[in-house]
PDB file of N, CA and C in Angstrom:
ATOM      1  N   MET A   1     -82.963 100.021 -85.928  1.00  0.00           N
ATOM      2  CA  MET A   1     -82.576 101.364 -85.515  1.00  0.00           C
ATOM      3  C   MET A   1     -83.219 102.412 -86.419  1.00  0.00           C
ATOM      4  N   ALA A   2     -83.376 102.098 -87.687  1.00  0.00           N
ATOM      5  CA  ALA A   2     -83.978 103.056 -88.610  1.00  0.00           C
ATOM      6  C   ALA A   2     -85.434 103.318 -88.235  1.00  0.00           C
ATOM      7  N   MET A   3     -86.185 102.263 -87.920  1.00  0.00           N
ATOM      8  CA  MET A   3     -87.581 102.441 -87.535  1.00  0.00           C
ATOM      9  C   MET A   3     -87.677 103.255 -86.241  1.00  0.00           C
ATOM     10  N   ARG A   4     -86.802 102.989 -85.304  1.00  0.00           N
ATOM     11  CA  ARG A   4     -86.783 103.749 -84.050  1.00  0.00           C
ATOM     12  C   ARG A   4     -86.545 105.222 -84.332  1.00  0.00           C
ATOM     13  N   ARG A   5     -85.567 105.517 -85.178  1.00  0.00           N
ATOM     14  CA  ARG A   5     -85.244 106.901 -85.507  1.00  0.00           C
ATOM     15  C   ARG A   5     -86.417 107.579 -86.209  1.00  0.00           C
ATOM     16  N   ILE A   6     -87.103 106.860 -87.095  1.00  0.00           N
ATOM     17  CA  ILE A   6     -88.269 107.412 -87.796  1.00  0.00           C
ATOM     18  C   ILE A   6     -89.351 107.788 -86.797  1.00  0.00           C
ATOM     19  N   LEU A   7     -89.638 106.895 -85.844  1.00  0.00           N
ATOM     20  CA  LEU A   7     -90.670 107.176 -84.841  1.00  0.00           C
ATOM     21  C   LEU A   7     -90.291 108.364 -83.965  1.00  0.00           C
ATOM     22  N   ILE A   8     -89.025 108.430 -83.579  1.00  0.00           N
ATOM     23  CA  ILE A   8     -88.570 109.539 -82.743  1.00  0.00           C
ATOM     24  C   ILE A   8     -88.638 110.850 -83.515  1.00  0.00           C
ATOM     25  N   ASP A   9     -88.172 110.854 -84.764  1.00  0.00           N
ATOM     26  CA  ASP A   9     -88.226 112.063 -85.587  1.00  0.00           C
ATOM     27  C   ASP A   9     -89.663 112.533 -85.772  1.00  0.00           C
ATOM     28  N   HIS A  10     -90.554 111.582 -86.000  1.00  0.00           N
ATOM     29  CA  HIS A  10     -91.967 111.913 -86.171  1.00  0.00           C
ATOM     30  C   HIS A  10     -92.537 112.537 -84.906  1.00  0.00           C
ATOM     31  N   ALA A  11     -92.223 111.959 -83.751  1.00  0.00           N
ATOM     32  CA  ALA A  11     -92.721 112.489 -82.487  1.00  0.00           C
ATOM     33  C   ALA A  11     -92.150 113.874 -82.216  1.00  0.00           C
ATOM     34  N   GLU A  12     -90.882 114.082 -82.516  1.00  0.00           N
ATOM     35  CA  GLU A  12     -90.264 115.388 -82.297  1.00  0.00           C
ATOM     36  C   GLU A  12     -90.858 116.438 -83.226  1.00  0.00           C
ATOM     37  N   ALA A  13     -91.155 116.042 -84.462  1.00  0.00           N
ATOM     38  CA  ALA A  13     -91.748 116.971 -85.416  1.00  0.00           C
ATOM     39  C   ALA A  13     -93.127 117.429 -84.938  1.00  0.00           C
ATOM     40  N   ARG A  14     -93.847 116.549 -84.314  1.00  0.00           N
ATOM     41  CA  ARG A  14     -95.175 116.889 -83.808  1.00  0.00           C
ATOM     42  C   ARG A  14     -95.100 117.880 -82.656  1.00  0.00           C
ATOM     43  N   MET A  15     -93.973 117.926 -81.971  1.00  0.00           N
ATOM     44  CA  MET A  15     -93.837 118.795 -80.809  1.00  0.00           C
ATOM     45  C   MET A  15     -93.470 120.229 -81.187  1.00  0.00           C
ATOM     46  N   THR A  16     -93.061 120.469 -82.397  1.00  0.00           N
ATOM     47  CA  THR A  16     -92.626 121.811 -82.776  1.00  0.00           C
ATOM     48  C   THR A  16     -93.794 122.784 -82.743  1.00  0.00           C
ATOM     49  N   LEU A  17     -93.498 124.036 -82.551  1.00  0.00           N
ATOM     50  CA  LEU A  17     -94.548 125.053 -82.511  1.00  0.00           C
ATOM     51  C   LEU A  17     -95.316 125.105 -83.821  1.00  0.00           C
ATOM     52  N   LYS A  18     -94.652 124.831 -84.907  1.00  0.00           N
ATOM     53  CA  LYS A  18     -95.304 124.842 -86.212  1.00  0.00           C
ATOM     54  C   LYS A  18     -96.461 123.850 -86.254  1.00  0.00           C
ATOM     55  N   ARG A  19     -96.332 122.753 -85.499  1.00  0.00           N
ATOM     56  CA  ARG A  19     -97.346 121.720 -85.519  1.00  0.00           C
ATOM     57  C   ARG A  19     -98.165 121.690 -84.224  1.00  0.00           C
ATOM     58  N   GLY A  20     -98.177 122.765 -83.488  1.00  0.00           N
ATOM     59  CA  GLY A  20     -98.997 122.804 -82.281  1.00  0.00           C
ATOM     60  C   GLY A  20     -98.190 122.815 -81.003  1.00  0.00           C
ATOM     61  N   GLY A  21     -96.975 122.329 -81.011  1.00  0.00           N
ATOM     62  CA  GLY A  21     -96.087 122.409 -79.878  1.00  0.00           C
ATOM     63  C   GLY A  21     -96.425 121.555 -78.678  1.00  0.00           C
ATOM     64  N   GLN A  22     -97.383 120.698 -78.757  1.00  0.00           N
ATOM     65  CA  GLN A  22     -97.747 119.868 -77.619  1.00  0.00           C
ATOM     66  C   GLN A  22     -97.352 118.426 -77.865  1.00  0.00           C
ATOM     67  N   ARG A  23     -96.872 117.767 -76.806  1.00  0.00           N
ATOM     68  CA  ARG A  23     -96.561 116.345 -76.921  1.00  0.00           C
ATOM     69  C   ARG A  23     -97.852 115.570 -77.077  1.00  0.00           C
ATOM     70  N   ARG A  24     -97.855 114.701 -78.041  1.00  0.00           N
ATOM     71  CA  ARG A  24     -99.004 113.843 -78.227  1.00  0.00           C
ATOM     72  C   ARG A  24     -98.577 112.426 -77.913  1.00  0.00           C
ATOM     73  N   ARG A  25     -99.365 111.732 -77.164  1.00  0.00           N
ATOM     74  CA  ARG A  25     -99.021 110.376 -76.761  1.00  0.00           C
ATOM     75  C   ARG A  25     -99.322 109.399 -77.883  1.00  0.00           C
ATOM     76  N   GLU A  26     -98.397 108.451 -78.065  1.00  0.00           N
ATOM     77  CA  GLU A  26     -98.525 107.419 -79.079  1.00  0.00           C
ATOM     78  C   GLU A  26     -98.741 106.090 -78.398  1.00  0.00           C
ATOM     79  N   GLY A  27     -99.695 105.315 -78.865  1.00  0.00           N
ATOM     80  CA  GLY A  27     -99.915 103.988 -78.294  1.00  0.00           C
ATOM     81  C   GLY A  27     -98.861 103.006 -78.790  1.00  0.00           C
ATOM     82  N   LEU A  28     -98.180 102.365 -77.891  1.00  0.00           N
ATOM     83  CA  LEU A  28     -97.164 101.382 -78.246  1.00  0.00           C
ATOM     84  C   LEU A  28     -97.476 100.115 -77.463  1.00  0.00           C
ATOM     85  N   SER A  29     -98.333  99.293 -78.014  1.00  0.00           N
ATOM     86  CA  SER A  29     -98.896  98.165 -77.285  1.00  0.00           C
ATOM     87  C   SER A  29     -97.857  97.176 -76.778  1.00  0.00           C
ATOM     88  N   ALA A  30     -96.736  97.033 -77.453  1.00  0.00           N
ATOM     89  CA  ALA A  30     -95.739  96.061 -76.996  1.00  0.00           C
ATOM     90  C   ALA A  30     -95.148  96.449 -75.647  1.00  0.00           C
ATOM     91  N   VAL A  31     -95.013  97.736 -75.394  1.00  0.00           N
ATOM     92  CA  VAL A  31     -94.508  98.174 -74.102  1.00  0.00           C
ATOM     93  C   VAL A  31     -95.646  98.280 -73.104  1.00  0.00           C
ATOM     94  N   ASP A  32     -96.844  98.663 -73.570  1.00  0.00           N
ATOM     95  CA  ASP A  32     -98.005  98.740 -72.691  1.00  0.00           C
ATOM     96  C   ASP A  32     -98.271  97.407 -72.013  1.00  0.00           C
ATOM     97  N   ALA A  33     -97.911  96.312 -72.668  1.00  0.00           N
ATOM     98  CA  ALA A  33     -98.169  94.988 -72.115  1.00  0.00           C
ATOM     99  C   ALA A  33     -97.417  94.759 -70.811  1.00  0.00           C
ATOM    100  N   ALA A  34     -96.447  95.586 -70.513  1.00  0.00           N
ATOM    101  CA  ALA A  34     -95.703  95.447 -69.264  1.00  0.00           C
ATOM    102  C   ALA A  34     -96.570  95.753 -68.058  1.00  0.00           C
ATOM    103  N   ALA A  35     -97.624  96.500 -68.265  1.00  0.00           N
ATOM    104  CA  ALA A  35     -98.517  96.850 -67.160  1.00  0.00           C
ATOM    105  C   ALA A  35     -99.660  95.857 -67.110  1.00  0.00           C
ATOM    106  N   PRO A  36     -99.769  95.081 -66.043  1.00  0.00           N
ATOM    107  CA  PRO A  36    -100.855  94.124 -65.956  1.00  0.00           C
ATOM    108  C   PRO A  36    -102.200  94.818 -66.078  1.00  0.00           C
ATOM    109  N   GLY A  37    -103.035  94.305 -66.991  1.00  0.00           N
ATOM    110  CA  GLY A  37    -104.367  94.848 -67.192  1.00  0.00           C
ATOM    111  C   GLY A  37    -104.398  96.145 -67.971  1.00  0.00           C
ATOM    112  N   SER A  38    -103.277  96.578 -68.504  1.00  0.00           N
ATOM    113  CA  SER A  38    -103.224  97.827 -69.266  1.00  0.00           C
ATOM    114  C   SER A  38    -103.082  97.514 -70.736  1.00  0.00           C
ATOM    115  N   ASP A  39    -104.198  97.543 -71.469  1.00  0.00           N
ATOM    116  CA  ASP A  39    -104.160  97.212 -72.886  1.00  0.00           C
ATOM    117  C   ASP A  39    -104.084  98.444 -73.768  1.00  0.00           C
ATOM    118  N   THR A  40    -104.534  99.591 -73.283  1.00  0.00           N
ATOM    119  CA  THR A  40    -104.624 100.756 -74.141  1.00  0.00           C
ATOM    120  C   THR A  40    -103.907 101.984 -73.609  1.00  0.00           C
ATOM    121  N   SER A  41    -103.182 101.880 -72.547  1.00  0.00           N
ATOM    122  CA  SER A  41    -102.494 103.028 -71.969  1.00  0.00           C
ATOM    123  C   SER A  41    -101.385 103.496 -72.907  1.00  0.00           C
ATOM    124  N   PRO A  42    -101.525 104.711 -73.493  1.00  0.00           N
ATOM    125  CA  PRO A  42    -100.515 105.185 -74.437  1.00  0.00           C
ATOM    126  C   PRO A  42     -99.268 105.689 -73.726  1.00  0.00           C
ATOM    127  N   ILE A  43     -98.146 105.688 -74.430  1.00  0.00           N
ATOM    128  CA  ILE A  43     -96.909 106.218 -73.880  1.00  0.00           C
ATOM    129  C   ILE A  43     -96.313 107.217 -74.845  1.00  0.00           C
ATOM    130  N   ASP A  44     -95.404 107.991 -74.379  1.00  0.00           N
ATOM    131  CA  ASP A  44     -94.744 109.026 -75.151  1.00  0.00           C
ATOM    132  C   ASP A  44     -93.546 108.414 -75.880  1.00  0.00           C
ATOM    133  N   THR A  45     -93.494 108.582 -77.194  1.00  0.00           N
ATOM    134  CA  THR A  45     -92.415 108.006 -78.006  1.00  0.00           C
ATOM    135  C   THR A  45     -91.060 108.563 -77.604  1.00  0.00           C
ATOM    136  N   ILE A  46     -91.001 109.843 -77.309  1.00  0.00           N
ATOM    137  CA  ILE A  46     -89.735 110.457 -76.916  1.00  0.00           C
ATOM    138  C   ILE A  46     -89.302 109.921 -75.558  1.00  0.00           C
ATOM    139  N   ALA A  47     -90.244 109.752 -74.651  1.00  0.00           N
ATOM    140  CA  ALA A  47     -89.919 109.179 -73.342  1.00  0.00           C
ATOM    141  C   ALA A  47     -89.398 107.756 -73.506  1.00  0.00           C
ATOM    142  N   LEU A  48     -89.982 107.004 -74.445  1.00  0.00           N
ATOM    143  CA  LEU A  48     -89.513 105.645 -74.714  1.00  0.00           C
ATOM    144  C   LEU A  48     -88.070 105.674 -75.196  1.00  0.00           C
ATOM    145  N   ASN A  49     -87.750 106.580 -76.096  1.00  0.00           N
ATOM    146  CA  ASN A  49     -86.391 106.681 -76.611  1.00  0.00           C
ATOM    147  C   ASN A  49     -85.400 107.012 -75.497  1.00  0.00           C
ATOM    148  N   GLU A  50     -85.756 107.971 -74.645  1.00  0.00           N
ATOM    149  CA  GLU A  50     -84.872 108.340 -73.538  1.00  0.00           C
ATOM    150  C   GLU A  50     -84.674 107.172 -72.581  1.00  0.00           C
ATOM    151  N   ALA A  51     -85.760 106.447 -72.299  1.00  0.00           N
ATOM    152  CA  ALA A  51     -85.667 105.294 -71.408  1.00  0.00           C
ATOM    153  C   ALA A  51     -84.817 104.189 -72.041  1.00  0.00           C
ATOM    154  N   LEU A  52     -84.946 103.986 -73.351  1.00  0.00           N
ATOM    155  CA  LEU A  52     -84.132 102.973 -74.032  1.00  0.00           C
ATOM    156  C   LEU A  52     -82.648 103.330 -73.986  1.00  0.00           C
ATOM    157  N   GLU A  53     -82.338 104.602 -74.117  1.00  0.00           N
ATOM    158  CA  GLU A  53     -80.935 105.023 -74.030  1.00  0.00           C
ATOM    159  C   GLU A  53     -80.385 104.759 -72.635  1.00  0.00           C
ATOM    160  N   GLU A  54     -81.196 105.017 -71.622  1.00  0.00           N
ATOM    161  CA  GLU A  54     -80.789 104.758 -70.244  1.00  0.00           C
ATOM    162  C   GLU A  54     -80.616 103.249 -70.011  1.00  0.00           C
ATOM    163  N   LEU A  55     -81.536 102.452 -70.558  1.00  0.00           N
ATOM    164  CA  LEU A  55     -81.442 100.997 -70.433  1.00  0.00           C
ATOM    165  C   LEU A  55     -80.181 100.486 -71.122  1.00  0.00           C
ATOM    166  N   ALA A  56     -79.873 101.036 -72.279  1.00  0.00           N
ATOM    167  CA  ALA A  56     -78.687 100.594 -73.026  1.00  0.00           C
ATOM    168  C   ALA A  56     -77.401 100.842 -72.237  1.00  0.00           C
ATOM    169  N   ALA A  57     -77.408 101.876 -71.420  1.00  0.00           N
ATOM    170  CA  ALA A  57     -76.218 102.173 -70.615  1.00  0.00           C
ATOM    171  C   ALA A  57     -76.035 101.156 -69.491  1.00  0.00           C
ATOM    172  N   THR A  58     -77.132 100.597 -68.997  1.00  0.00           N
ATOM    173  CA  THR A  58     -77.039  99.660 -67.882  1.00  0.00           C
ATOM    174  C   THR A  58     -77.138  98.199 -68.319  1.00  0.00           C
ATOM    175  N   CYS A  59     -77.976  97.913 -69.290  1.00  0.00           N
ATOM    176  CA  CYS A  59     -78.192  96.528 -69.763  1.00  0.00           C
ATOM    177  C   CYS A  59     -78.252  96.524 -71.285  1.00  0.00           C
ATOM    178  N   PRO A  60     -77.115  96.555 -71.953  1.00  0.00           N
ATOM    179  CA  PRO A  60     -77.101  96.669 -73.407  1.00  0.00           C
ATOM    180  C   PRO A  60     -77.855  95.540 -74.134  1.00  0.00           C
ATOM    181  N   ARG A  61     -77.745  94.310 -73.631  1.00  0.00           N
ATOM    182  CA  ARG A  61     -78.420  93.202 -74.311  1.00  0.00           C
ATOM    183  C   ARG A  61     -79.936  93.356 -74.237  1.00  0.00           C
ATOM    184  N   GLN A  62     -80.439  93.773 -73.093  1.00  0.00           N
ATOM    185  CA  GLN A  62     -81.880  93.982 -72.967  1.00  0.00           C
ATOM    186  C   GLN A  62     -82.344  95.084 -73.914  1.00  0.00           C
ATOM    187  N   ALA A  63     -81.571  96.149 -74.010  1.00  0.00           N
ATOM    188  CA  ALA A  63     -81.924  97.236 -74.927  1.00  0.00           C
ATOM    189  C   ALA A  63     -81.911  96.749 -76.374  1.00  0.00           C
ATOM    190  N   GLU A  64     -80.958  95.904 -76.695  1.00  0.00           N
ATOM    191  CA  GLU A  64     -80.890  95.353 -78.057  1.00  0.00           C
ATOM    192  C   GLU A  64     -82.086  94.451 -78.334  1.00  0.00           C
ATOM    193  N   VAL A  65     -82.497  93.662 -77.356  1.00  0.00           N
ATOM    194  CA  VAL A  65     -83.683  92.809 -77.516  1.00  0.00           C
ATOM    195  C   VAL A  65     -84.914  93.674 -77.789  1.00  0.00           C
ATOM    196  N   VAL A  66     -85.060  94.764 -77.047  1.00  0.00           N
ATOM    197  CA  VAL A  66     -86.192  95.673 -77.270  1.00  0.00           C
ATOM    198  C   VAL A  66     -86.135  96.255 -78.667  1.00  0.00           C
ATOM    199  N   ASN A  67     -84.973  96.732 -79.085  1.00  0.00           N
ATOM    200  CA  ASN A  67     -84.833  97.303 -80.430  1.00  0.00           C
ATOM    201  C   ASN A  67     -85.193  96.292 -81.511  1.00  0.00           C
ATOM    202  N   LEU A  68     -84.664  95.083 -81.379  1.00  0.00           N
ATOM    203  CA  LEU A  68     -84.909  94.070 -82.409  1.00  0.00           C
ATOM    204  C   LEU A  68     -86.356  93.594 -82.423  1.00  0.00           C
ATOM    205  N   ARG A  69     -86.943  93.473 -81.264  1.00  0.00           N
ATOM    206  CA  ARG A  69     -88.321  92.979 -81.199  1.00  0.00           C
ATOM    207  C   ARG A  69     -89.335  94.078 -81.501  1.00  0.00           C
ATOM    208  N   PHE A  70     -89.164  95.220 -80.847  1.00  0.00           N
ATOM    209  CA  PHE A  70     -90.151  96.284 -80.951  1.00  0.00           C
ATOM    210  C   PHE A  70     -90.044  97.050 -82.260  1.00  0.00           C
ATOM    211  N   PHE A  71     -88.844  97.439 -82.640  1.00  0.00           N
ATOM    212  CA  PHE A  71     -88.677  98.275 -83.826  1.00  0.00           C
ATOM    213  C   PHE A  71     -88.433  97.482 -85.102  1.00  0.00           C
ATOM    214  N   ALA A  72     -87.745  96.343 -85.008  1.00  0.00           N
ATOM    215  CA  ALA A  72     -87.474  95.545 -86.202  1.00  0.00           C
ATOM    216  C   ALA A  72     -88.519  94.453 -86.426  1.00  0.00           C
ATOM    217  N   GLY A  73     -89.303  94.142 -85.393  1.00  0.00           N
ATOM    218  CA  GLY A  73     -90.369  93.154 -85.533  1.00  0.00           C
ATOM    219  C   GLY A  73     -89.897  91.713 -85.574  1.00  0.00           C
ATOM    220  N   LEU A  74     -88.698  91.440 -85.069  1.00  0.00           N
ATOM    221  CA  LEU A  74     -88.184  90.078 -85.075  1.00  0.00           C
ATOM    222  C   LEU A  74     -88.802  89.255 -83.945  1.00  0.00           C
ATOM    223  N   ASN A  75     -88.861  87.946 -84.138  1.00  0.00           N
ATOM    224  CA  ASN A  75     -89.388  87.070 -83.085  1.00  0.00           C
ATOM    225  C   ASN A  75     -88.238  86.598 -82.189  1.00  0.00           C
ATOM    226  N   ASP A  76     -88.612  85.889 -81.110  1.00  0.00           N
ATOM    227  CA  ASP A  76     -87.616  85.452 -80.127  1.00  0.00           C
ATOM    228  C   ASP A  76     -86.518  84.589 -80.742  1.00  0.00           C
ATOM    229  N   ALA A  77     -86.901  83.676 -81.617  1.00  0.00           N
ATOM    230  CA  ALA A  77     -85.918  82.769 -82.223  1.00  0.00           C
ATOM    231  C   ALA A  77     -84.897  83.535 -83.065  1.00  0.00           C
ATOM    232  N   ASP A  78     -85.377  84.497 -83.861  1.00  0.00           N
ATOM    233  CA  ASP A  78     -84.471  85.291 -84.692  1.00  0.00           C
ATOM    234  C   ASP A  78     -83.522  86.135 -83.837  1.00  0.00           C
ATOM    235  N   ILE A  79     -84.073  86.720 -82.787  1.00  0.00           N
ATOM    236  CA  ILE A  79     -83.246  87.541 -81.895  1.00  0.00           C
ATOM    237  C   ILE A  79     -82.204  86.673 -81.194  1.00  0.00           C
ATOM    238  N   ALA A  80     -82.631  85.504 -80.729  1.00  0.00           N
ATOM    239  CA  ALA A  80     -81.707  84.594 -80.046  1.00  0.00           C
ATOM    240  C   ALA A  80     -80.548  84.215 -80.967  1.00  0.00           C
ATOM    241  N   GLU A  81     -80.863  83.948 -82.209  1.00  0.00           N
ATOM    242  CA  GLU A  81     -79.819  83.585 -83.177  1.00  0.00           C
ATOM    243  C   GLU A  81     -78.868  84.757 -83.417  1.00  0.00           C
ATOM    244  N   MET A  82     -79.413  85.954 -83.562  1.00  0.00           N
ATOM    245  CA  MET A  82     -78.581  87.135 -83.808  1.00  0.00           C
ATOM    246  C   MET A  82     -77.661  87.455 -82.637  1.00  0.00           C
ATOM    247  N   LEU A  83     -78.183  87.268 -81.405  1.00  0.00           N
ATOM    248  CA  LEU A  83     -77.403  87.611 -80.217  1.00  0.00           C
ATOM    249  C   LEU A  83     -76.628  86.434 -79.638  1.00  0.00           C
ATOM    250  N   ALA A  84     -76.777  85.262 -80.255  1.00  0.00           N
ATOM    251  CA  ALA A  84     -76.092  84.047 -79.806  1.00  0.00           C
ATOM    252  C   ALA A  84     -76.434  83.696 -78.359  1.00  0.00           C
ATOM    253  N   VAL A  85     -77.734  83.759 -78.047  1.00  0.00           N
ATOM    254  CA  VAL A  85     -78.241  83.356 -76.735  1.00  0.00           C
ATOM    255  C   VAL A  85     -79.452  82.451 -76.959  1.00  0.00           C
ATOM    256  N   SER A  86     -79.984  81.886 -75.889  1.00  0.00           N
ATOM    257  CA  SER A  86     -81.141  81.001 -76.025  1.00  0.00           C
ATOM    258  C   SER A  86     -82.436  81.807 -76.134  1.00  0.00           C
ATOM    259  N   ASP A  87     -83.489  81.139 -76.634  1.00  0.00           N
ATOM    260  CA  ASP A  87     -84.813  81.764 -76.707  1.00  0.00           C
ATOM    261  C   ASP A  87     -85.280  82.184 -75.318  1.00  0.00           C
ATOM    262  N   LYS A  88     -84.998  81.341 -74.341  1.00  0.00           N
ATOM    263  CA  LYS A  88     -85.403  81.630 -72.969  1.00  0.00           C
ATOM    264  C   LYS A  88     -84.742  82.907 -72.454  1.00  0.00           C
ATOM    265  N   THR A  89     -83.486  83.104 -72.797  1.00  0.00           N
ATOM    266  CA  THR A  89     -82.772  84.319 -72.394  1.00  0.00           C
ATOM    267  C   THR A  89     -83.408  85.542 -73.038  1.00  0.00           C
ATOM    268  N   VAL A  90     -83.778  85.420 -74.298  1.00  0.00           N
ATOM    269  CA  VAL A  90     -84.438  86.526 -74.997  1.00  0.00           C
ATOM    270  C   VAL A  90     -85.764  86.853 -74.329  1.00  0.00           C
ATOM    271  N   ARG A  91     -86.560  85.838 -74.009  1.00  0.00           N
ATOM    272  CA  ARG A  91     -87.852  86.071 -73.345  1.00  0.00           C
ATOM    273  C   ARG A  91     -87.661  86.732 -71.980  1.00  0.00           C
ATOM    274  N   ARG A  92     -86.652  86.272 -71.244  1.00  0.00           N
ATOM    275  CA  ARG A  92     -86.368  86.851 -69.924  1.00  0.00           C
ATOM    276  C   ARG A  92     -85.906  88.308 -70.068  1.00  0.00           C
ATOM    277  N   ASP A  93     -85.022  88.565 -71.019  1.00  0.00           N
ATOM    278  CA  ASP A  93     -84.560  89.933 -71.252  1.00  0.00           C
ATOM    279  C   ASP A  93     -85.723  90.842 -71.656  1.00  0.00           C
ATOM    280  N   TRP A  94     -86.598  90.335 -72.523  1.00  0.00           N
ATOM    281  CA  TRP A  94     -87.756  91.108 -72.981  1.00  0.00           C
ATOM    282  C   TRP A  94     -88.673  91.449 -71.809  1.00  0.00           C
ATOM    283  N   ALA A  95     -88.959  90.459 -70.971  1.00  0.00           N
ATOM    284  CA  ALA A  95     -89.843  90.683 -69.826  1.00  0.00           C
ATOM    285  C   ALA A  95     -89.244  91.709 -68.860  1.00  0.00           C
ATOM    286  N   CYS A  96     -87.973  91.571 -68.557  1.00  0.00           N
ATOM    287  CA  CYS A  96     -87.305  92.502 -67.640  1.00  0.00           C
ATOM    288  C   CYS A  96     -87.258  93.909 -68.239  1.00  0.00           C
ATOM    289  N   ALA A  97     -86.916  93.993 -69.514  1.00  0.00           N
ATOM    290  CA  ALA A  97     -86.813  95.295 -70.173  1.00  0.00           C
ATOM    291  C   ALA A  97     -88.170  95.987 -70.247  1.00  0.00           C
ATOM    292  N   ARG A  98     -89.218  95.239 -70.560  1.00  0.00           N
ATOM    293  CA  ARG A  98     -90.572  95.819 -70.614  1.00  0.00           C
ATOM    294  C   ARG A  98     -90.955  96.437 -69.278  1.00  0.00           C
ATOM    295  N   LEU A  99     -90.742  95.681 -68.219  1.00  0.00           N
ATOM    296  CA  LEU A  99     -91.093  96.185 -66.892  1.00  0.00           C
ATOM    297  C   LEU A  99     -90.266  97.410 -66.524  1.00  0.00           C
ATOM    298  N   TRP A 100     -88.975  97.343 -66.807  1.00  0.00           N
ATOM    299  CA  TRP A 100     -88.085  98.459 -66.499  1.00  0.00           C
ATOM    300  C   TRP A 100     -88.500  99.704 -67.284  1.00  0.00           C
ATOM    301  N   LEU A 101     -88.755  99.532 -68.588  1.00  0.00           N
ATOM    302  CA  LEU A 101     -89.158 100.651 -69.427  1.00  0.00           C
ATOM    303  C   LEU A 101     -90.496 101.236 -68.988  1.00  0.00           C
ATOM    304  N   PHE A 102     -91.433 100.359 -68.688  1.00  0.00           N
ATOM    305  CA  PHE A 102     -92.752 100.836 -68.248  1.00  0.00           C
ATOM    306  C   PHE A 102     -92.616 101.673 -66.986  1.00  0.00           C
ATOM    307  N   ASP A 103     -91.791 101.211 -66.063  1.00  0.00           N
ATOM    308  CA  ASP A 103     -91.589 101.952 -64.824  1.00  0.00           C
ATOM    309  C   ASP A 103     -90.965 103.317 -65.091  1.00  0.00           C
ATOM    310  N   ARG A 104     -89.986 103.380 -65.987  1.00  0.00           N
ATOM    311  CA  ARG A 104     -89.317 104.652 -66.312  1.00  0.00           C
ATOM    312  C   ARG A 104     -90.260 105.593 -67.036  1.00  0.00           C
ATOM    313  N   ILE A 105     -91.076 105.079 -67.938  1.00  0.00           N
ATOM    314  CA  ILE A 105     -91.935 105.916 -68.758  1.00  0.00           C
ATOM    315  C   ILE A 105     -93.113 106.470 -67.964  1.00  0.00           C
ATOM    316  N   LYS A 106     -93.656 105.666 -67.078  1.00  0.00           N
ATOM    317  CA  LYS A 106     -94.840 106.123 -66.332  1.00  0.00           C
ATOM    318  C   LYS A 106     -94.501 107.196 -65.311  1.00  0.00           C
ATOM    319  N   ASN A 107     -93.247 107.309 -64.931  1.00  0.00           N
ATOM    320  CA  ASN A 107     -92.858 108.326 -63.939  1.00  0.00           C
ATOM    321  C   ASN A 107     -92.468 109.602 -64.567  1.00  0.00           C
TER     322      ASN A 107
END
């Protein structure tokens, strides 16, 4: 959660008029992988945060998997142990969450 907050704060700081006032897109390859054939398509960090909050309201475990994997850098086995689920469940949650987030962010 701390890394997520740091990224969001950084993105918000870049948007202020003092720093130019324009949203700048940040490349987040772990979420970009949700788009087949999209290796370099950048996404907006603030949009990612908003989409994660929306995901957490509907699928809290999937949102937690994204937080632990994307922001904390944990692997499937570590996440599975923390959430008391199988590795396969973590992989399935990650795949579903990536696709859902990509769809929300691109629109």
